[in-house]
Amino acid sequence: MTNKTQISRRVFTTGGISLLGLTLAGCSNASKTGTETEAVSVSTQRLALMYGPLPEEKFPIPAIHLRKLDKRFYRQQVDFDTSEKVGTIIVNTKTFYCHLIQENGKAMRYGVGLGKAGFEWSGRAQIAWKRKWPTWTPPASMIERVPELEKYSAANGGQQPGLDNPLGARALYVYKNGRDTLYRLHGSVETYSIGKAVSSGCVRFINQDIVDLYDRIPRKAPLLVI
């Protein structure tokens, strides 16, 4: 059964942007969508609040370098007509957007990076677990391809949390029919990867954006992958 999702946008003009952060190094029940009109204007002051440093974090997060992020992937609230219920997370693998459905025909939109082949499935799942500064444990199939990752295997305790951890500041664990899909929605310091298919298979956000999404959703939030 499919749900019809139609997207509409307000049209904004692009404003000047001067914020420069630190450069970092670092991880089918498809709804039909309508056409989108990009909303890309965010004030410099708001950008500074959204993508500035987060010094109170367990591992302080530096400001991002906005020259590495396409303006259309700035976090922003947009008009969004959908039959999905409030609180649903929708990942669109064609547009590289993640929408969190809000009340009154709105959604919070985030830019994301995807795996080189995108998600290997589309349909419905849920966020079974949420973790701040998670440990990363590569799956056995990844270790087979990259043997040096054995040092981060489950038997060795995984890779400890930190800015260089592939899962970044937050991780949302995707389960389907009660089983771990091994997919994650997670943070990343690789700003350049947003809007591209370059990761190991999960959905990556700028750390500041995954922190924002993490704080907005409860555990068991529904997820729809288009």
Foldseek 3Di string as FASTA:
>chain_A
DEWAWEFEWDEDDADDEDDAKDQDDAAAHAYHYHDYDFHQHDDNVVLCVLFAWDCVAPATRHGAGCVLADSSQDKDKTFIGTPDDQLEWEQEQVQQKIWHHHPPRMTTIHFKFFALVGAPDFFKWWQQDKDFQDFDADDPVVCVVVVVSVCQHVVNPGHGGYQRHRQHGMWGFTDHPNHGPVEIEGEHSNNNRGRYRHHNGHIYGHNSVVVVVSVVHDGGRMYGYD
